[in-house]
Amino acid sequence: MTRKLPPLNALRAFEAAARHASITRAADELFVTHGAVSRQIKGLEEALGVALFRRANRQISLTPAGERLLPTATAAFDLLAAGVAQVAGRDQRGPLQLSCMATFTMRWLIPRLHRLSAQHPEVEVRLSTSDMPVDFNLEGFDLAIRIGAPPWPDDMNVTPFLSERIGPVLSPKLLAESGLERPEHLADLPLLHTNTRPTAWPDWLGANGIGCVDAEAGQRLEHFFFMLQAAASGLGVAIGPEPLAADDIEAGRLVAPFGFIDTGRSYTLLSTKAMANRADIAAFRDWLLAEAGANADQS
């Protein structure tokens, strides 16, 4: 069967420029000049007989035809990359490149990674911390762990593995000294906040119908890790996700007097659809689901 395709270099130039919404960034990714990318795209548009981009004030945006072509082109190049990686073999791929939120990495993932090494010694994981949206093609990651809820991008393989449940946590000593018995009594205690989740207290108080507590009062810290450490040290009451506080609760450094409520979001493993069935990615995903299941059983 003869495939009627335009030149692959032209399709690569289009796909990169469309993904970045920038010819300059596409040229940087492809290690060619701005002019080379522009010429490839122009040649592709002439071959197809349609305009793929609108051009105005040095900005580009996709036309309806370009919007139809982009997901197909991206999926095709992802699939081609996956096939090449499979032929090249695991040893040539190197470690799994995983992007994950910093506090989740420190407080949940790293303490469990020794079990991955024991079960799958062939799977090596290299960690990078971030909570920003991930671009697998641009950043070179194999996997990412993010927290959120549907809808997720159509080109991603999505595996929710741990529900997010939040609730107030504090040190056992502060609980005993304060006489905290009902959520309304939180008005008499210093609240701890994190800059990365500023609505956590308002969300929890609102969900529980508590209006007598000032949701904005108290000390603000940069990350969940700092906030939970401050709570364990007796500085106040934190509002934390159960997975991040679970080990401290089990060790007796924190208590959760009112339990946890579901936020409707999940910790979710992401990869491109083309890479989803790669052996090392599948092994990591299966291990992660098993760990999360064990964590849920202990809750």
Protein backbone atom coordinates (compact mmCIF):
# COMPACT_ATOMS: atom_id res chain seq x y z
CA MET A 1 0.00 0.00 0.00
CA THR A 2 1.37 3.41 -0.98
CA ARG A 3 0.96 6.04 1.74
CA LYS A 4 0.31 9.53 0.44
CA LEU A 5 2.18 11.64 2.98
CA PRO A 6 3.85 15.03 2.82
CA PRO A 7 7.53 15.18 3.83
CA LEU A 8 8.00 14.11 7.47
CA ASN A 9 10.28 17.07 8.16
CA ALA A 10 7.44 19.39 7.20
CA LEU A 11 5.03 17.55 9.49
CA ARG A 12 7.59 17.70 12.33
CA ALA A 13 7.97 21.43 11.83
CA PHE A 14 4.19 21.92 11.86
CA GLU A 15 3.68 19.73 14.94
CA ALA A 16 6.41 21.46 16.95
CA ALA A 17 5.26 24.97 15.96
CA ALA A 18 1.62 24.13 16.75
CA ARG A 19 2.49 22.56 20.09
CA HIS A 20 4.54 25.56 21.18
CA ALA A 21 2.42 28.17 19.38
CA SER A 22 5.80 29.55 18.37
CA ILE A 23 8.01 29.09 15.33
CA THR A 24 11.04 30.23 17.34
CA ARG A 25 10.55 27.58 20.04
CA ALA A 26 9.91 24.95 17.38
CA ALA A 27 13.19 25.90 15.71
CA ASP A 28 15.00 25.57 19.05
CA GLU A 29 13.50 22.11 19.64
CA LEU A 30 14.39 20.89 16.15
CA PHE A 31 17.86 22.52 16.10
CA VAL A 32 17.15 24.41 12.87
CA THR A 33 16.63 28.06 12.00
CA HIS A 34 13.42 30.06 12.28
CA GLY A 35 13.42 30.42 8.50
CA ALA A 36 13.74 26.67 7.96
CA VAL A 37 10.67 25.98 10.07
CA SER A 38 8.69 28.70 8.27
CA ARG A 39 9.63 27.26 4.87
CA GLN A 40 8.67 23.72 5.92
CA ILE A 41 5.29 24.89 7.15
CA LYS A 42 4.64 26.95 4.04
CA GLY A 43 5.53 23.95 1.86
CA LEU A 44 3.18 21.74 3.88
CA GLU A 45 0.33 24.22 3.53
CA GLU A 46 0.91 24.38 -0.24
CA ALA A 47 0.98 20.59 -0.48
CA LEU A 48 -2.28 20.25 1.48
CA GLY A 49 -3.96 23.23 -0.15
CA VAL A 50 -5.07 24.70 3.19
CA ALA A 51 -3.73 27.23 5.67
CA LEU A 52 -2.68 25.63 8.96
CA PHE A 53 -1.80 28.82 10.87
CA ARG A 54 -3.07 32.34 11.20
CA ARG A 55 -0.22 34.85 11.33
CA ALA A 56 -0.60 38.28 12.92
CA ASN A 57 1.86 40.59 14.72
CA ARG A 58 4.55 37.88 14.79
CA GLN A 59 2.12 35.54 16.56
CA ILE A 60 0.72 32.30 15.18
CA SER A 61 -2.48 30.41 15.98
CA LEU A 62 -4.02 27.33 14.46
CA THR A 63 -6.74 27.47 11.85
CA PRO A 64 -9.55 24.87 12.05
CA ALA A 65 -7.55 22.72 9.62
CA GLY A 66 -4.47 22.99 11.82
CA GLU A 67 -6.48 22.10 14.92
CA ARG A 68 -7.69 18.92 13.17
CA LEU A 69 -4.20 17.93 12.07
CA LEU A 70 -2.31 18.58 15.33
CA PRO A 71 -3.59 15.71 17.54
CA THR A 72 -3.06 13.19 14.72
CA ALA A 73 0.47 14.45 14.06
CA THR A 74 1.39 14.45 17.77
CA ALA A 75 0.02 10.94 18.30
CA ALA A 76 1.88 9.67 15.23
CA PHE A 77 5.23 11.07 16.37
CA ASP A 78 4.65 9.79 19.94
CA LEU A 79 3.91 6.33 18.57
CA LEU A 80 6.99 6.43 16.36
CA ALA A 81 9.15 7.49 19.32
CA ALA A 82 7.73 4.64 21.42
CA GLY A 83 8.45 2.11 18.69
CA VAL A 84 12.02 3.32 18.32
CA ALA A 85 12.49 3.15 22.10
CA GLN A 86 11.20 -0.43 22.20
CA VAL A 87 13.56 -1.48 19.42
CA ALA A 88 16.46 0.30 21.12
CA GLY A 89 15.88 -1.72 24.30
CA ARG A 90 15.56 -0.83 27.98
CA ASP A 91 19.30 -0.37 28.63
CA GLN A 92 19.52 2.38 26.03
CA ARG A 93 16.50 4.22 27.42
CA GLY A 94 18.08 4.75 30.82
CA PRO A 95 16.19 5.63 34.01
CA LEU A 96 12.52 6.54 34.06
CA GLN A 97 12.28 10.32 34.16
CA LEU A 98 9.49 11.18 36.64
CA SER A 99 8.17 14.66 37.42
CA CYS A 100 6.32 14.90 40.73
CA MET A 101 5.16 17.53 43.24
CA ALA A 102 7.86 18.27 45.83
CA THR A 103 5.97 17.51 49.06
CA PHE A 104 4.39 14.34 47.67
CA THR A 105 7.85 13.24 46.53
CA MET A 106 9.38 13.76 49.97
CA ARG A 107 6.57 12.55 52.20
CA TRP A 108 4.93 9.74 50.20
CA LEU A 109 6.93 8.57 47.21
CA ILE A 110 10.55 8.48 48.40
CA PRO A 111 9.81 6.52 51.62
CA ARG A 112 8.25 3.78 49.45
CA LEU A 113 10.69 3.62 46.53
CA HIS A 114 12.82 0.95 48.21
CA ARG A 115 9.96 -1.48 47.63
CA LEU A 116 9.96 -0.65 43.91
CA SER A 117 13.68 -1.42 43.79
CA ALA A 118 13.12 -4.74 45.55
CA GLN A 119 10.24 -5.79 43.27
CA HIS A 120 11.59 -4.35 40.01
CA PRO A 121 15.39 -3.98 40.19
CA GLU A 122 15.41 -3.32 36.44
CA VAL A 123 13.36 -0.12 36.89
CA GLU A 124 15.40 2.92 37.92
CA VAL A 125 13.59 6.18 38.64
CA ARG A 126 15.09 9.64 38.33
CA LEU A 127 13.00 12.25 40.17
CA SER A 128 12.39 15.90 39.32
CA THR A 129 10.04 18.08 41.39
CA SER A 130 7.41 20.36 39.90
CA ASP A 131 3.69 21.03 40.20
CA MET A 132 3.40 22.88 36.89
CA PRO A 133 1.62 21.41 33.84
CA VAL A 134 3.94 18.93 32.14
CA ASP A 135 4.96 18.95 28.46
CA PHE A 136 6.35 15.46 27.82
CA ASN A 137 7.70 16.29 24.39
CA LEU A 138 9.49 19.46 25.45
CA GLU A 139 10.74 18.40 28.90
CA GLY A 140 11.71 14.80 28.19
CA PHE A 141 9.79 13.18 31.05
CA ASP A 142 8.44 9.63 30.77
CA LEU A 143 5.93 10.05 33.61
CA ALA A 144 4.44 12.73 35.81
CA ILE A 145 2.43 12.69 39.02
CA ARG A 146 0.00 15.56 39.43
CA ILE A 147 -3.10 16.20 41.50
CA GLY A 148 -6.36 17.16 39.87
CA ALA A 149 -9.67 16.05 38.43
CA PRO A 150 -11.02 15.40 34.93
CA PRO A 151 -10.90 16.50 32.22
CA TRP A 152 -7.25 15.75 31.48
CA PRO A 153 -5.61 16.42 28.08
CA ASP A 154 -6.78 13.97 25.40
CA ASP A 155 -3.24 12.94 24.46
CA MET A 156 -2.37 11.66 27.94
CA ASN A 157 -2.74 8.23 29.50
CA VAL A 158 -4.32 8.96 32.89
CA THR A 159 -4.18 6.68 35.97
CA PRO A 160 -5.71 8.08 39.19
CA PHE A 161 -4.20 6.11 42.05
CA LEU A 162 -4.90 7.93 45.32
CA SER A 163 -7.89 10.06 46.31
CA GLU A 164 -7.14 13.38 47.95
CA ARG A 165 -8.78 13.71 51.36
CA ILE A 166 -8.02 16.71 53.59
CA GLY A 167 -8.56 17.55 57.25
CA PRO A 168 -7.09 19.45 60.20
CA VAL A 169 -4.00 17.94 61.83
CA LEU A 170 -2.06 19.05 64.90
CA SER A 171 0.35 17.71 67.48
CA PRO A 172 -1.05 15.45 70.24
CA LYS A 173 0.36 17.88 72.82
CA LEU A 174 -1.49 20.88 71.35
CA LEU A 175 -4.68 18.82 71.12
CA ALA A 176 -4.46 17.92 74.81
CA GLU A 177 -3.61 21.45 75.94
CA SER A 178 -6.28 23.15 73.84
CA GLY A 179 -9.21 20.90 74.71
CA LEU A 180 -10.21 20.86 71.02
CA GLU A 181 -13.42 18.84 70.78
CA ARG A 182 -15.48 20.36 67.98
CA PRO A 183 -14.52 22.06 64.70
CA GLU A 184 -15.93 25.34 66.01
CA HIS A 185 -13.19 25.36 68.64
CA LEU A 186 -10.63 25.91 65.88
CA ALA A 187 -11.46 29.63 66.25
CA ASP A 188 -9.38 29.61 69.44
CA LEU A 189 -6.26 28.07 67.85
CA PRO A 190 -3.68 29.40 65.38
CA LEU A 191 -4.31 28.09 61.88
CA LEU A 192 -1.47 27.18 59.53
CA HIS A 193 -1.74 27.80 55.78
CA THR A 194 0.35 26.99 52.71
CA ASN A 195 0.92 29.32 49.79
CA THR A 196 0.59 26.40 47.36
CA ARG A 197 -3.00 25.69 48.47
CA PRO A 198 -4.42 28.97 49.82
CA THR A 199 -8.06 27.82 49.65
CA ALA A 200 -7.59 24.66 51.72
CA TRP A 201 -8.99 26.07 54.97
CA PRO A 202 -11.91 27.93 53.33
CA ASP A 203 -12.76 24.79 51.35
CA TRP A 204 -12.75 22.53 54.41
CA LEU A 205 -14.64 24.96 56.66
CA GLY A 206 -17.21 25.59 53.94
CA ALA A 207 -17.71 21.88 53.28
CA ASN A 208 -18.39 21.37 56.99
CA GLY A 209 -20.70 24.37 57.31
CA ILE A 210 -18.49 26.16 59.83
CA GLY A 211 -18.78 29.94 59.66
CA CYS A 212 -17.41 31.01 63.02
CA VAL A 213 -13.72 30.37 62.17
CA ASP A 214 -11.70 33.02 60.32
CA ALA A 215 -10.41 31.00 57.37
CA GLU A 216 -7.77 33.63 56.53
CA ALA A 217 -6.24 34.08 59.99
CA GLY A 218 -2.98 32.48 61.02
CA GLN A 219 0.52 31.87 59.71
CA ARG A 220 1.33 31.18 56.06
CA LEU A 221 4.16 28.91 54.95
CA GLU A 222 5.55 28.28 51.50
CA HIS A 223 4.96 24.54 51.13
CA PHE A 224 2.90 21.71 52.62
CA PHE A 225 6.11 20.19 53.95
CA PHE A 226 6.83 23.28 56.08
CA MET A 227 3.22 23.55 57.23
CA LEU A 228 3.05 19.93 58.38
CA GLN A 229 6.40 20.25 60.14
CA ALA A 230 5.14 23.36 61.91
CA ALA A 231 2.01 21.49 63.02
CA ALA A 232 4.07 18.57 64.35
CA SER A 233 6.14 21.11 66.32
CA GLY A 234 3.01 22.47 67.99
CA LEU A 235 2.86 25.85 66.24
CA GLY A 236 -0.77 25.49 65.21
CA VAL A 237 -3.34 23.46 63.28
CA ALA A 238 -2.55 22.57 59.67
CA ILE A 239 -5.00 21.60 56.97
CA GLY A 240 -3.40 18.72 55.16
CA PRO A 241 -4.03 15.95 52.65
CA GLU A 242 -4.26 12.54 54.32
CA PRO A 243 -1.56 10.90 52.11
CA LEU A 244 0.97 13.56 53.12
CA ALA A 245 0.13 13.39 56.83
CA ALA A 246 -0.40 9.61 57.09
CA ASP A 247 3.14 8.66 58.13
CA ASP A 248 3.24 11.38 60.83
CA ILE A 249 -0.15 10.23 62.12
CA GLU A 250 1.01 6.61 62.24
CA ALA A 251 4.18 7.68 64.08
CA GLY A 252 2.17 9.71 66.60
CA ARG A 253 3.60 13.11 65.59
CA LEU A 254 0.22 14.32 64.34
CA VAL A 255 -3.42 13.57 65.06
CA ALA A 256 -6.49 14.22 62.91
CA PRO A 257 -9.33 14.83 65.42
CA PHE A 258 -12.06 15.30 62.79
CA GLY A 259 -10.86 12.87 60.16
CA PHE A 260 -10.61 13.71 56.46
CA ILE A 261 -13.08 14.59 53.71
CA ASP A 262 -12.82 13.85 49.98
CA THR A 263 -11.98 16.85 47.78
CA GLY A 264 -13.00 15.16 44.51
CA ARG A 265 -9.41 15.31 43.25
CA SER A 266 -6.88 12.50 42.88
CA TYR A 267 -3.15 12.00 42.73
CA THR A 268 -2.77 10.89 39.13
CA LEU A 269 -0.02 9.25 37.08
CA LEU A 270 0.33 10.73 33.60
CA SER A 271 2.19 9.60 30.50
CA THR A 272 1.71 9.91 26.77
CA LYS A 273 -0.65 7.33 25.32
CA ALA A 274 2.08 6.08 23.01
CA MET A 275 4.39 5.29 25.96
CA ALA A 276 1.75 3.85 28.30
CA ASN A 277 2.45 0.17 27.57
CA ARG A 278 6.24 0.38 27.70
CA ALA A 279 7.47 -2.34 30.07
CA ASP A 280 9.18 -0.11 32.64
CA ILE A 281 6.30 2.39 32.68
CA ALA A 282 3.75 -0.42 33.11
CA ALA A 283 5.81 -1.92 35.96
CA PHE A 284 5.99 1.44 37.75
CA ARG A 285 2.26 2.04 37.25
CA ASP A 286 1.34 -1.40 38.65
CA TRP A 287 3.63 -0.89 41.65
CA LEU A 288 2.16 2.58 42.31
CA LEU A 289 -1.41 1.25 42.24
CA ALA A 290 -0.45 -1.55 44.65
CA GLU A 291 1.20 0.92 47.04
CA ALA A 292 -1.80 3.23 46.94
CA GLY A 293 -4.09 0.27 47.60
CA ALA A 294 -2.04 -0.74 50.61
CA ASN A 295 -2.15 2.85 51.85
CA ALA A 296 -5.95 2.92 51.49
CA ASP A 297 -6.27 -0.36 53.39
CA GLN A 298 -4.36 1.12 56.31
CA SER A 299 -6.43 4.33 56.44
